Amino acid sequence: MLEKIKRNTFNHFKYLPEAVGFSVKTDQALTVINCRLGSSMFNIVCGNYYTKKVQRVVNGFKGQPFAWWISPSIKSKALSQKLLEHGFITETEERVMLCDLTNFESSNNQLIRK
C-alpha cells in the first residue's frame, strides 16, 4: 500500500510541471522537478536512495529553494545523513490517512456516491 501511495504522490508532483513544460527528469533513483520558481513547493526532488548525484542535484538548482521528498515507505539513513551534510533541514514529516472504500455504502444525503 505504501508503494502505491508513493507512486501516486510522485505522479501528483510531476503532473502539472510536465503539463506546462517545466523540467521533469526521472532515472532509476530520482525524479527531479525544476520549475525555476522561487519556491520549494514546485522545485522538488523525489527519491529514497543515496547516490553520488546529491551534489549534482544541489548544484543544478543553483541556489533556488527546493525540497527533497523522501517516501515514508523507505527510511534511508544514508540519504538523510548526506542531505543533512549538504545543509538540508527536516522541515516536516507527513502522515497519511487511508480509508478502504471497497465496501462503502452511502446514503442519499452524503456527497460521496457509490
PDB file of N, CA and C in Angstrom:
ATOM      1  N   MET A   1       0.824  -1.186   0.000  1.00  0.00           N
ATOM      2  CA  MET A   1       0.000   0.000   0.000  1.00  0.00           C
ATOM      3  C   MET A   1       0.876   1.261   0.000  1.00  0.00           C
ATOM      4  N   LEU A   2       1.944   1.251   0.810  1.00  0.00           N
ATOM      5  CA  LEU A   2       2.820   2.422   0.850  1.00  0.00           C
ATOM      6  C   LEU A   2       3.463   2.702  -0.507  1.00  0.00           C
ATOM      7  N   GLU A   3       3.780   1.657  -1.245  1.00  0.00           N
ATOM      8  CA  GLU A   3       4.379   1.856  -2.579  1.00  0.00           C
ATOM      9  C   GLU A   3       3.379   2.542  -3.506  1.00  0.00           C
ATOM     10  N   LYS A   4       2.102   2.181  -3.408  1.00  0.00           N
ATOM     11  CA  LYS A   4       1.069   2.832  -4.225  1.00  0.00           C
ATOM     12  C   LYS A   4       0.933   4.303  -3.845  1.00  0.00           C
ATOM     13  N   ILE A   5       1.002   4.594  -2.558  1.00  0.00           N
ATOM     14  CA  ILE A   5       0.923   5.977  -2.098  1.00  0.00           C
ATOM     15  C   ILE A   5       2.107   6.766  -2.634  1.00  0.00           C
ATOM     16  N   LYS A   6       3.294   6.167  -2.589  1.00  0.00           N
ATOM     17  CA  LYS A   6       4.491   6.844  -3.091  1.00  0.00           C
ATOM     18  C   LYS A   6       4.344   7.163  -4.571  1.00  0.00           C
ATOM     19  N   ARG A   7       3.943   6.186  -5.376  1.00  0.00           N
ATOM     20  CA  ARG A   7       3.767   6.412  -6.820  1.00  0.00           C
ATOM     21  C   ARG A   7       2.727   7.498  -7.085  1.00  0.00           C
ATOM     22  N   ASN A   8       1.627   7.453  -6.352  1.00  0.00           N
ATOM     23  CA  ASN A   8       0.569   8.442  -6.516  1.00  0.00           C
ATOM     24  C   ASN A   8       1.086   9.848  -6.185  1.00  0.00           C
ATOM     25  N   THR A   9       1.824   9.962  -5.098  1.00  0.00           N
ATOM     26  CA  THR A   9       2.371  11.258  -4.693  1.00  0.00           C
ATOM     27  C   THR A   9       3.361  11.774  -5.723  1.00  0.00           C
ATOM     28  N   PHE A  10       4.280  10.916  -6.175  1.00  0.00           N
ATOM     29  CA  PHE A  10       5.253  11.320  -7.195  1.00  0.00           C
ATOM     30  C   PHE A  10       4.533  11.789  -8.456  1.00  0.00           C
ATOM     31  N   ASN A  11       3.492  11.063  -8.851  1.00  0.00           N
ATOM     32  CA  ASN A  11       2.741  11.445 -10.058  1.00  0.00           C
ATOM     33  C   ASN A  11       2.048  12.790  -9.874  1.00  0.00           C
ATOM     34  N   HIS A  12       1.555  13.082  -8.674  1.00  0.00           N
ATOM     35  CA  HIS A  12       0.964  14.388  -8.411  1.00  0.00           C
ATOM     36  C   HIS A  12       2.012  15.490  -8.497  1.00  0.00           C
ATOM     37  N   PHE A  13       3.205  15.235  -7.935  1.00  0.00           N
ATOM     38  CA  PHE A  13       4.282  16.222  -8.013  1.00  0.00           C
ATOM     39  C   PHE A  13       4.628  16.523  -9.471  1.00  0.00           C
ATOM     40  N   LYS A  14       4.621  15.500 -10.323  1.00  0.00           N
ATOM     41  CA  LYS A  14       5.073  15.637 -11.702  1.00  0.00           C
ATOM     42  C   LYS A  14       4.015  16.181 -12.656  1.00  0.00           C
ATOM     43  N   TYR A  15       2.745  15.962 -12.387  1.00  0.00           N
ATOM     44  CA  TYR A  15       1.687  16.207 -13.365  1.00  0.00           C
ATOM     45  C   TYR A  15       1.679  17.635 -13.910  1.00  0.00           C
ATOM     46  N   LEU A  16       1.489  18.605 -13.059  1.00  0.00           N
ATOM     47  CA  LEU A  16       1.365  19.981 -13.532  1.00  0.00           C
ATOM     48  C   LEU A  16       2.664  20.493 -14.160  1.00  0.00           C
ATOM     49  N   PRO A  17       3.827  20.297 -13.519  1.00  0.00           N
ATOM     50  CA  PRO A  17       5.062  20.748 -14.178  1.00  0.00           C
ATOM     51  C   PRO A  17       5.266  20.147 -15.569  1.00  0.00           C
ATOM     52  N   GLU A  18       4.962  18.859 -15.735  1.00  0.00           N
ATOM     53  CA  GLU A  18       5.084  18.239 -17.062  1.00  0.00           C
ATOM     54  C   GLU A  18       4.089  18.848 -18.040  1.00  0.00           C
ATOM     55  N   ALA A  19       2.864  19.084 -17.574  1.00  0.00           N
ATOM     56  CA  ALA A  19       1.806  19.591 -18.444  1.00  0.00           C
ATOM     57  C   ALA A  19       2.129  20.973 -18.994  1.00  0.00           C
ATOM     58  N   VAL A  20       2.859  21.779 -18.236  1.00  0.00           N
ATOM     59  CA  VAL A  20       3.164  23.134 -18.693  1.00  0.00           C
ATOM     60  C   VAL A  20       4.595  23.275 -19.204  1.00  0.00           C
ATOM     61  N   GLY A  21       5.308  22.158 -19.304  1.00  0.00           N
ATOM     62  CA  GLY A  21       6.605  22.169 -19.967  1.00  0.00           C
ATOM     63  C   GLY A  21       7.822  22.448 -19.115  1.00  0.00           C
ATOM     64  N   PHE A  22       7.707  22.352 -17.792  1.00  0.00           N
ATOM     65  CA  PHE A  22       8.878  22.530 -16.951  1.00  0.00           C
ATOM     66  C   PHE A  22       9.737  21.275 -16.974  1.00  0.00           C
ATOM     67  N   SER A  23      10.932  21.385 -16.460  1.00  0.00           N
ATOM     68  CA  SER A  23      11.880  20.276 -16.479  1.00  0.00           C
ATOM     69  C   SER A  23      11.513  19.215 -15.442  1.00  0.00           C
ATOM     70  N   VAL A  24      11.229  18.011 -15.930  1.00  0.00           N
ATOM     71  CA  VAL A  24      10.966  16.857 -15.066  1.00  0.00           C
ATOM     72  C   VAL A  24      11.827  15.719 -15.585  1.00  0.00           C
ATOM     73  N   LYS A  25      12.804  15.321 -14.784  1.00  0.00           N
ATOM     74  CA  LYS A  25      13.716  14.258 -15.197  1.00  0.00           C
ATOM     75  C   LYS A  25      13.635  13.116 -14.200  1.00  0.00           C
ATOM     76  N   THR A  26      13.522  11.895 -14.730  1.00  0.00           N
ATOM     77  CA  THR A  26      13.429  10.716 -13.881  1.00  0.00           C
ATOM     78  C   THR A  26      14.460   9.697 -14.327  1.00  0.00           C
ATOM     79  N   ASP A  27      15.163   9.134 -13.352  1.00  0.00           N
ATOM     80  CA  ASP A  27      16.015   7.978 -13.627  1.00  0.00           C
ATOM     81  C   ASP A  27      15.644   6.899 -12.610  1.00  0.00           C
ATOM     82  N   GLN A  28      16.470   5.897 -12.448  1.00  0.00           N
ATOM     83  CA  GLN A  28      16.121   4.785 -11.569  1.00  0.00           C
ATOM     84  C   GLN A  28      15.952   5.215 -10.116  1.00  0.00           C
ATOM     85  N   ALA A  29      16.696   6.203  -9.660  1.00  0.00           N
ATOM     86  CA  ALA A  29      16.712   6.547  -8.249  1.00  0.00           C
ATOM     87  C   ALA A  29      16.010   7.858  -7.908  1.00  0.00           C
ATOM     88  N   LEU A  30      15.941   8.787  -8.857  1.00  0.00           N
ATOM     89  CA  LEU A  30      15.454  10.122  -8.536  1.00  0.00           C
ATOM     90  C   LEU A  30      14.505  10.675  -9.592  1.00  0.00           C
ATOM     91  N   THR A  31      13.588  11.503  -9.138  1.00  0.00           N
ATOM     92  CA  THR A  31      12.793  12.347 -10.012  1.00  0.00           C
ATOM     93  C   THR A  31      13.116  13.777  -9.607  1.00  0.00           C
ATOM     94  N   VAL A  32      13.572  14.580 -10.555  1.00  0.00           N
ATOM     95  CA  VAL A  32      13.945  15.963 -10.283  1.00  0.00           C
ATOM     96  C   VAL A  32      13.012  16.877 -11.059  1.00  0.00           C
ATOM     97  N   ILE A  33      12.269  17.718 -10.336  1.00  0.00           N
ATOM     98  CA  ILE A  33      11.327  18.653 -10.926  1.00  0.00           C
ATOM     99  C   ILE A  33      11.854  20.060 -10.659  1.00  0.00           C
ATOM    100  N   ASN A  34      12.270  20.736 -11.714  1.00  0.00           N
ATOM    101  CA  ASN A  34      12.806  22.082 -11.559  1.00  0.00           C
ATOM    102  C   ASN A  34      11.970  23.043 -12.389  1.00  0.00           C
ATOM    103  N   CYS A  35      11.110  23.790 -11.707  1.00  0.00           N
ATOM    104  CA  CYS A  35      10.242  24.755 -12.379  1.00  0.00           C
ATOM    105  C   CYS A  35      10.889  26.134 -12.471  1.00  0.00           C
ATOM    106  N   ARG A  36      12.090  26.255 -11.917  1.00  0.00           N
ATOM    107  CA  ARG A  36      12.813  27.535 -11.910  1.00  0.00           C
ATOM    108  C   ARG A  36      11.980  28.635 -11.255  1.00  0.00           C
ATOM    109  N   LEU A  37      11.200  28.239 -10.248  1.00  0.00           N
ATOM    110  CA  LEU A  37      10.413  29.190  -9.475  1.00  0.00           C
ATOM    111  C   LEU A  37      11.013  29.299  -8.077  1.00  0.00           C
ATOM    112  N   GLY A  38      10.835  30.414  -7.441  1.00  0.00           N
ATOM    113  CA  GLY A  38      11.430  30.647  -6.135  1.00  0.00           C
ATOM    114  C   GLY A  38      10.673  30.012  -4.996  1.00  0.00           C
ATOM    115  N   SER A  39      10.307  28.758  -5.152  1.00  0.00           N
ATOM    116  CA  SER A  39       9.523  28.073  -4.126  1.00  0.00           C
ATOM    117  C   SER A  39       9.831  26.587  -4.115  1.00  0.00           C
ATOM    118  N   SER A  40      10.012  26.055  -2.921  1.00  0.00           N
ATOM    119  CA  SER A  40      10.220  24.612  -2.802  1.00  0.00           C
ATOM    120  C   SER A  40       8.921  23.842  -3.000  1.00  0.00           C
ATOM    121  N   MET A  41       7.827  24.549  -3.173  1.00  0.00           N
ATOM    122  CA  MET A  41       6.549  23.896  -3.466  1.00  0.00           C
ATOM    123  C   MET A  41       6.554  23.313  -4.871  1.00  0.00           C
ATOM    124  N   PHE A  42       7.339  23.919  -5.785  1.00  0.00           N
ATOM    125  CA  PHE A  42       7.352  23.491  -7.175  1.00  0.00           C
ATOM    126  C   PHE A  42       8.684  22.897  -7.611  1.00  0.00           C
ATOM    127  N   ASN A  43       9.731  23.154  -6.880  1.00  0.00           N
ATOM    128  CA  ASN A  43      11.045  22.578  -7.164  1.00  0.00           C
ATOM    129  C   ASN A  43      11.240  21.421  -6.196  1.00  0.00           C
ATOM    130  N   ILE A  44      11.105  20.217  -6.708  1.00  0.00           N
ATOM    131  CA  ILE A  44      11.063  19.044  -5.828  1.00  0.00           C
ATOM    132  C   ILE A  44      11.948  17.940  -6.387  1.00  0.00           C
ATOM    133  N   VAL A  45      12.631  17.264  -5.478  1.00  0.00           N
ATOM    134  CA  VAL A  45      13.355  16.042  -5.811  1.00  0.00           C
ATOM    135  C   VAL A  45      12.664  14.921  -5.053  1.00  0.00           C
ATOM    136  N   CYS A  46      12.319  13.857  -5.744  1.00  0.00           N
ATOM    137  CA  CYS A  46      11.689  12.696  -5.125  1.00  0.00           C
ATOM    138  C   CYS A  46      12.654  11.527  -5.243  1.00  0.00           C
ATOM    139  N   GLY A  47      13.007  10.948  -4.134  1.00  0.00           N
ATOM    140  CA  GLY A  47      13.886   9.789  -4.185  1.00  0.00           C
ATOM    141  C   GLY A  47      14.290   9.332  -2.815  1.00  0.00           C
ATOM    142  N   ASN A  48      14.502   8.051  -2.681  1.00  0.00           N
ATOM    143  CA  ASN A  48      14.821   7.466  -1.391  1.00  0.00           C
ATOM    144  C   ASN A  48      16.230   6.917  -1.297  1.00  0.00           C
ATOM    145  N   TYR A  49      16.978   7.018  -2.345  1.00  0.00           N
ATOM    146  CA  TYR A  49      18.259   6.337  -2.367  1.00  0.00           C
ATOM    147  C   TYR A  49      19.405   7.333  -2.406  1.00  0.00           C
ATOM    148  N   TYR A  50      20.433   7.072  -1.629  1.00  0.00           N
ATOM    149  CA  TYR A  50      21.612   7.925  -1.695  1.00  0.00           C
ATOM    150  C   TYR A  50      22.399   7.571  -2.948  1.00  0.00           C
ATOM    151  N   THR A  51      22.680   8.564  -3.716  1.00  0.00           N
ATOM    152  CA  THR A  51      23.548   8.380  -4.869  1.00  0.00           C
ATOM    153  C   THR A  51      24.570   9.508  -4.848  1.00  0.00           C
ATOM    154  N   LYS A  52      25.574   9.387  -5.639  1.00  0.00           N
ATOM    155  CA  LYS A  52      26.581  10.446  -5.727  1.00  0.00           C
ATOM    156  C   LYS A  52      26.024  11.662  -6.439  1.00  0.00           C
ATOM    157  N   LYS A  53      24.780  11.574  -6.878  1.00  0.00           N
ATOM    158  CA  LYS A  53      24.148  12.677  -7.595  1.00  0.00           C
ATOM    159  C   LYS A  53      23.683  13.803  -6.680  1.00  0.00           C
ATOM    160  N   VAL A  54      23.736  13.605  -5.371  1.00  0.00           N
ATOM    161  CA  VAL A  54      23.205  14.626  -4.461  1.00  0.00           C
ATOM    162  C   VAL A  54      23.840  15.981  -4.752  1.00  0.00           C
ATOM    163  N   GLN A  55      25.156  16.041  -4.845  1.00  0.00           N
ATOM    164  CA  GLN A  55      25.817  17.320  -5.088  1.00  0.00           C
ATOM    165  C   GLN A  55      25.457  17.876  -6.460  1.00  0.00           C
ATOM    166  N   ARG A  56      25.340  17.016  -7.461  1.00  0.00           N
ATOM    167  CA  ARG A  56      24.944  17.491  -8.791  1.00  0.00           C
ATOM    168  C   ARG A  56      23.533  18.070  -8.781  1.00  0.00           C
ATOM    169  N   VAL A  57      22.631  17.432  -8.028  1.00  0.00           N
ATOM    170  CA  VAL A  57      21.256  17.934  -7.921  1.00  0.00           C
ATOM    171  C   VAL A  57      21.262  19.291  -7.228  1.00  0.00           C
ATOM    172  N   VAL A  58      21.993  19.400  -6.117  1.00  0.00           N
ATOM    173  CA  VAL A  58      22.084  20.671  -5.393  1.00  0.00           C
ATOM    174  C   VAL A  58      22.636  21.744  -6.325  1.00  0.00           C
ATOM    175  N   ASN A  59      23.695  21.436  -7.053  1.00  0.00           N
ATOM    176  CA  ASN A  59      24.288  22.402  -7.988  1.00  0.00           C
ATOM    177  C   ASN A  59      23.307  22.776  -9.089  1.00  0.00           C
ATOM    178  N   GLY A  60      22.492  21.827  -9.536  1.00  0.00           N
ATOM    179  CA  GLY A  60      21.541  22.071 -10.613  1.00  0.00           C
ATOM    180  C   GLY A  60      20.466  23.083 -10.264  1.00  0.00           C
ATOM    181  N   PHE A  61      20.160  23.223  -8.999  1.00  0.00           N
ATOM    182  CA  PHE A  61      19.160  24.203  -8.591  1.00  0.00           C
ATOM    183  C   PHE A  61      19.764  25.593  -8.399  1.00  0.00           C
ATOM    184  N   LYS A  62      21.071  25.704  -8.416  1.00  0.00           N
ATOM    185  CA  LYS A  62      21.791  26.992  -8.395  1.00  0.00           C
ATOM    186  C   LYS A  62      21.215  27.991  -7.401  1.00  0.00           C
ATOM    187  N   GLY A  63      21.105  27.575  -6.146  1.00  0.00           N
ATOM    188  CA  GLY A  63      20.659  28.495  -5.103  1.00  0.00           C
ATOM    189  C   GLY A  63      19.154  28.672  -4.984  1.00  0.00           C
ATOM    190  N   GLN A  64      18.380  28.046  -5.857  1.00  0.00           N
ATOM    191  CA  GLN A  64      16.921  28.120  -5.744  1.00  0.00           C
ATOM    192  C   GLN A  64      16.462  27.258  -4.569  1.00  0.00           C
ATOM    193  N   PRO A  65      15.387  27.649  -3.904  1.00  0.00           N
ATOM    194  CA  PRO A  65      14.842  26.758  -2.881  1.00  0.00           C
ATOM    195  C   PRO A  65      14.245  25.517  -3.541  1.00  0.00           C
ATOM    196  N   PHE A  66      14.451  24.370  -2.920  1.00  0.00           N
ATOM    197  CA  PHE A  66      13.802  23.148  -3.389  1.00  0.00           C
ATOM    198  C   PHE A  66      13.690  22.177  -2.226  1.00  0.00           C
ATOM    199  N   ALA A  67      12.785  21.244  -2.362  1.00  0.00           N
ATOM    200  CA  ALA A  67      12.545  20.246  -1.325  1.00  0.00           C
ATOM    201  C   ALA A  67      12.942  18.876  -1.839  1.00  0.00           C
ATOM    202  N   TRP A  68      13.449  18.047  -0.944  1.00  0.00           N
ATOM    203  CA  TRP A  68      13.768  16.659  -1.274  1.00  0.00           C
ATOM    204  C   TRP A  68      12.762  15.810  -0.521  1.00  0.00           C
ATOM    205  N   TRP A  69      11.851  15.186  -1.254  1.00  0.00           N
ATOM    206  CA  TRP A  69      10.796  14.388  -0.641  1.00  0.00           C
ATOM    207  C   TRP A  69      11.256  12.940  -0.546  1.00  0.00           C
ATOM    208  N   ILE A  70      11.236  12.399   0.661  1.00  0.00           N
ATOM    209  CA  ILE A  70      11.618  11.004   0.902  1.00  0.00           C
ATOM    210  C   ILE A  70      10.354  10.254   1.294  1.00  0.00           C
ATOM    211  N   SER A  71      10.036   9.236   0.546  1.00  0.00           N
ATOM    212  CA  SER A  71       8.829   8.458   0.798  1.00  0.00           C
ATOM    213  C   SER A  71       8.895   7.768   2.151  1.00  0.00           C
ATOM    214  N   PRO A  72       7.768   7.725   2.864  1.00  0.00           N
ATOM    215  CA  PRO A  72       7.754   7.004   4.142  1.00  0.00           C
ATOM    216  C   PRO A  72       7.870   5.495   3.971  1.00  0.00           C
ATOM    217  N   SER A  73       7.763   4.999   2.733  1.00  0.00           N
ATOM    218  CA  SER A  73       7.855   3.551   2.524  1.00  0.00           C
ATOM    219  C   SER A  73       9.274   3.035   2.743  1.00  0.00           C
ATOM    220  N   ILE A  74      10.249   3.933   2.658  1.00  0.00           N
ATOM    221  CA  ILE A  74      11.642   3.530   2.853  1.00  0.00           C
ATOM    222  C   ILE A  74      12.331   4.598   3.679  1.00  0.00           C
ATOM    223  N   LYS A  75      12.917   4.202   4.775  1.00  0.00           N
ATOM    224  CA  LYS A  75      13.701   5.129   5.584  1.00  0.00           C
ATOM    225  C   LYS A  75      15.163   4.907   5.232  1.00  0.00           C
ATOM    226  N   SER A  76      15.759   5.875   4.578  1.00  0.00           N
ATOM    227  CA  SER A  76      17.153   5.768   4.166  1.00  0.00           C
ATOM    228  C   SER A  76      18.014   6.636   5.067  1.00  0.00           C
ATOM    229  N   LYS A  77      18.675   6.009   6.027  1.00  0.00           N
ATOM    230  CA  LYS A  77      19.542   6.760   6.927  1.00  0.00           C
ATOM    231  C   LYS A  77      20.726   7.356   6.175  1.00  0.00           C
ATOM    232  N   ALA A  78      21.242   6.645   5.186  1.00  0.00           N
ATOM    233  CA  ALA A  78      22.381   7.158   4.412  1.00  0.00           C
ATOM    234  C   ALA A  78      21.977   8.414   3.655  1.00  0.00           C
ATOM    235  N   LEU A  79      20.809   8.402   3.008  1.00  0.00           N
ATOM    236  CA  LEU A  79      20.350   9.573   2.274  1.00  0.00           C
ATOM    237  C   LEU A  79      20.088  10.727   3.240  1.00  0.00           C
ATOM    238  N   SER A  80      19.383  10.456   4.325  1.00  0.00           N
ATOM    239  CA  SER A  80      19.091  11.506   5.296  1.00  0.00           C
ATOM    240  C   SER A  80      20.374  12.149   5.815  1.00  0.00           C
ATOM    241  N   GLN A  81      21.370  11.356   6.128  1.00  0.00           N
ATOM    242  CA  GLN A  81      22.637  11.878   6.628  1.00  0.00           C
ATOM    243  C   GLN A  81      23.333  12.738   5.571  1.00  0.00           C
ATOM    244  N   LYS A  82      23.356  12.265   4.326  1.00  0.00           N
ATOM    245  CA  LYS A  82      24.003  13.035   3.257  1.00  0.00           C
ATOM    246  C   LYS A  82      23.273  14.361   3.019  1.00  0.00           C
ATOM    247  N   LEU A  83      21.941  14.354   3.067  1.00  0.00           N
ATOM    248  CA  LEU A  83      21.203  15.593   2.878  1.00  0.00           C
ATOM    249  C   LEU A  83      21.481  16.573   4.011  1.00  0.00           C
ATOM    250  N   LEU A  84      21.571  16.081   5.242  1.00  0.00           N
ATOM    251  CA  LEU A  84      21.927  16.946   6.364  1.00  0.00           C
ATOM    252  C   LEU A  84      23.319  17.537   6.175  1.00  0.00           C
ATOM    253  N   GLU A  85      24.260  16.723   5.677  1.00  0.00           N
ATOM    254  CA  GLU A  85      25.616  17.203   5.413  1.00  0.00           C
ATOM    255  C   GLU A  85      25.634  18.284   4.335  1.00  0.00           C
ATOM    256  N   HIS A  86      24.669  18.265   3.431  1.00  0.00           N
ATOM    257  CA  HIS A  86      24.574  19.268   2.366  1.00  0.00           C
ATOM    258  C   HIS A  86      23.777  20.501   2.806  1.00  0.00           C
ATOM    259  N   GLY A  87      23.418  20.566   4.081  1.00  0.00           N
ATOM    260  CA  GLY A  87      22.729  21.748   4.601  1.00  0.00           C
ATOM    261  C   GLY A  87      21.220  21.682   4.605  1.00  0.00           C
ATOM    262  N   PHE A  88      20.643  20.548   4.238  1.00  0.00           N
ATOM    263  CA  PHE A  88      19.193  20.406   4.290  1.00  0.00           C
ATOM    264  C   PHE A  88      18.736  20.366   5.741  1.00  0.00           C
ATOM    265  N   ILE A  89      17.488  20.744   5.960  1.00  0.00           N
ATOM    266  CA  ILE A  89      16.877  20.603   7.272  1.00  0.00           C
ATOM    267  C   ILE A  89      15.602  19.776   7.112  1.00  0.00           C
ATOM    268  N   THR A  90      15.246  19.067   8.163  1.00  0.00           N
ATOM    269  CA  THR A  90      13.986  18.322   8.138  1.00  0.00           C
ATOM    270  C   THR A  90      12.884  19.317   8.446  1.00  0.00           C
ATOM    271  N   GLU A  91      12.091  19.612   7.442  1.00  0.00           N
ATOM    272  CA  GLU A  91      11.036  20.611   7.592  1.00  0.00           C
ATOM    273  C   GLU A  91       9.775  19.991   8.173  1.00  0.00           C
ATOM    274  N   THR A  92       9.451  18.800   7.710  1.00  0.00           N
ATOM    275  CA  THR A  92       8.224  18.164   8.179  1.00  0.00           C
ATOM    276  C   THR A  92       8.279  16.668   7.900  1.00  0.00           C
ATOM    277  N   GLU A  93       7.498  15.936   8.633  1.00  0.00           N
ATOM    278  CA  GLU A  93       7.255  14.526   8.342  1.00  0.00           C
ATOM    279  C   GLU A  93       5.768  14.399   8.103  1.00  0.00           C
ATOM    280  N   GLU A  94       5.403  13.860   6.956  1.00  0.00           N
ATOM    281  CA  GLU A  94       3.998  13.784   6.588  1.00  0.00           C
ATOM    282  C   GLU A  94       3.417  12.427   6.944  1.00  0.00           C
ATOM    283  N   ARG A  95       2.167  12.441   7.344  1.00  0.00           N
ATOM    284  CA  ARG A  95       1.431  11.225   7.656  1.00  0.00           C
ATOM    285  C   ARG A  95       0.255  11.120   6.695  1.00  0.00           C
ATOM    286  N   VAL A  96      -0.218   9.919   6.492  1.00  0.00           N
ATOM    287  CA  VAL A  96      -1.316   9.686   5.552  1.00  0.00           C
ATOM    288  C   VAL A  96      -2.432   8.943   6.263  1.00  0.00           C
ATOM    289  N   MET A  97      -3.653   9.285   5.952  1.00  0.00           N
ATOM    290  CA  MET A  97      -4.798   8.555   6.461  1.00  0.00           C
ATOM    291  C   MET A  97      -5.429   7.828   5.277  1.00  0.00           C
ATOM    292  N   LEU A  98      -5.703   6.547   5.443  1.00  0.00           N
ATOM    293  CA  LEU A  98      -6.279   5.741   4.372  1.00  0.00           C
ATOM    294  C   LEU A  98      -7.656   5.248   4.764  1.00  0.00           C
ATOM    295  N   CYS A  99      -8.482   5.075   3.780  1.00  0.00           N
ATOM    296  CA  CYS A  99      -9.807   4.535   4.001  1.00  0.00           C
ATOM    297  C   CYS A  99     -10.120   3.573   2.857  1.00  0.00           C
ATOM    298  N   ASP A 100     -10.480   2.355   3.192  1.00  0.00           N
ATOM    299  CA  ASP A 100     -10.842   1.369   2.177  1.00  0.00           C
ATOM    300  C   ASP A 100     -12.304   1.580   1.807  1.00  0.00           C
ATOM    301  N   LEU A 101     -12.536   2.014   0.573  1.00  0.00           N
ATOM    302  CA  LEU A 101     -13.900   2.303   0.118  1.00  0.00           C
ATOM    303  C   LEU A 101     -14.497   1.154  -0.691  1.00  0.00           C
ATOM    304  N   THR A 102     -13.860   0.002  -0.647  1.00  0.00           N
ATOM    305  CA  THR A 102     -14.330  -1.135  -1.421  1.00  0.00           C
ATOM    306  C   THR A 102     -15.783  -1.487  -1.104  1.00  0.00           C
ATOM    307  N   ASN A 103     -16.113  -1.492   0.157  1.00  0.00           N
ATOM    308  CA  ASN A 103     -17.464  -1.868   0.567  1.00  0.00           C
ATOM    309  C   ASN A 103     -18.217  -0.689   1.165  1.00  0.00           C
ATOM    310  N   PHE A 104     -17.920   0.488   0.690  1.00  0.00           N
ATOM    311  CA  PHE A 104     -18.541   1.701   1.229  1.00  0.00           C
ATOM    312  C   PHE A 104     -19.984   1.807   0.744  1.00  0.00           C
ATOM    313  N   GLU A 105     -20.879   2.042   1.680  1.00  0.00           N
ATOM    314  CA  GLU A 105     -22.278   2.247   1.323  1.00  0.00           C
ATOM    315  C   GLU A 105     -22.641   3.675   1.691  1.00  0.00           C
ATOM    316  N   SER A 106     -23.221   4.388   0.754  1.00  0.00           N
ATOM    317  CA  SER A 106     -23.579   5.780   1.014  1.00  0.00           C
ATOM    318  C   SER A 106     -25.093   5.930   1.093  1.00  0.00           C
ATOM    319  N   SER A 107     -25.495   6.936   1.828  1.00  0.00           N
ATOM    320  CA  SER A 107     -26.923   7.262   1.866  1.00  0.00           C
ATOM    321  C   SER A 107     -27.159   8.462   0.944  1.00  0.00           C
ATOM    322  N   ASN A 108     -28.387   8.771   0.681  1.00  0.00           N
ATOM    323  CA  ASN A 108     -28.725   9.845  -0.251  1.00  0.00           C
ATOM    324  C   ASN A 108     -28.241  11.220   0.205  1.00  0.00           C
ATOM    325  N   ASN A 109     -28.022  11.414   1.490  1.00  0.00           N
ATOM    326  CA  ASN A 109     -27.648  12.739   1.956  1.00  0.00           C
ATOM    327  C   ASN A 109     -26.135  12.946   2.033  1.00  0.00           C
ATOM    328  N   GLN A 110     -25.348  12.002   1.549  1.00  0.00           N
ATOM    329  CA  GLN A 110     -23.898  12.144   1.550  1.00  0.00           C
ATOM    330  C   GLN A 110     -23.413  12.609   0.186  1.00  0.00           C
ATOM    331  N   LEU A 111     -22.285  13.326   0.191  1.00  0.00           N
ATOM    332  CA  LEU A 111     -21.741  13.826  -1.063  1.00  0.00           C
ATOM    333  C   LEU A 111     -21.040  12.729  -1.874  1.00  0.00           C
ATOM    334  N   ILE A 112     -20.530  11.738  -1.186  1.00  0.00           N
ATOM    335  CA  ILE A 112     -19.836  10.649  -1.888  1.00  0.00           C
ATOM    336  C   ILE A 112     -20.861   9.647  -2.353  1.00  0.00           C
ATOM    337  N   ARG A 113     -20.802   9.323  -3.609  1.00  0.00           N
ATOM    338  CA  ARG A 113     -21.759   8.362  -4.182  1.00  0.00           C
ATOM    339  C   ARG A 113     -21.002   7.124  -4.624  1.00  0.00           C
ATOM    340  N   LYS A 114     -21.640   6.006  -4.526  1.00  0.00           N
ATOM    341  CA  LYS A 114     -21.068   4.722  -4.914  1.00  0.00           C
ATOM    342  C   LYS A 114     -21.020   4.594  -6.410  1.00  0.00           C
TER     343      LYS A 114
END
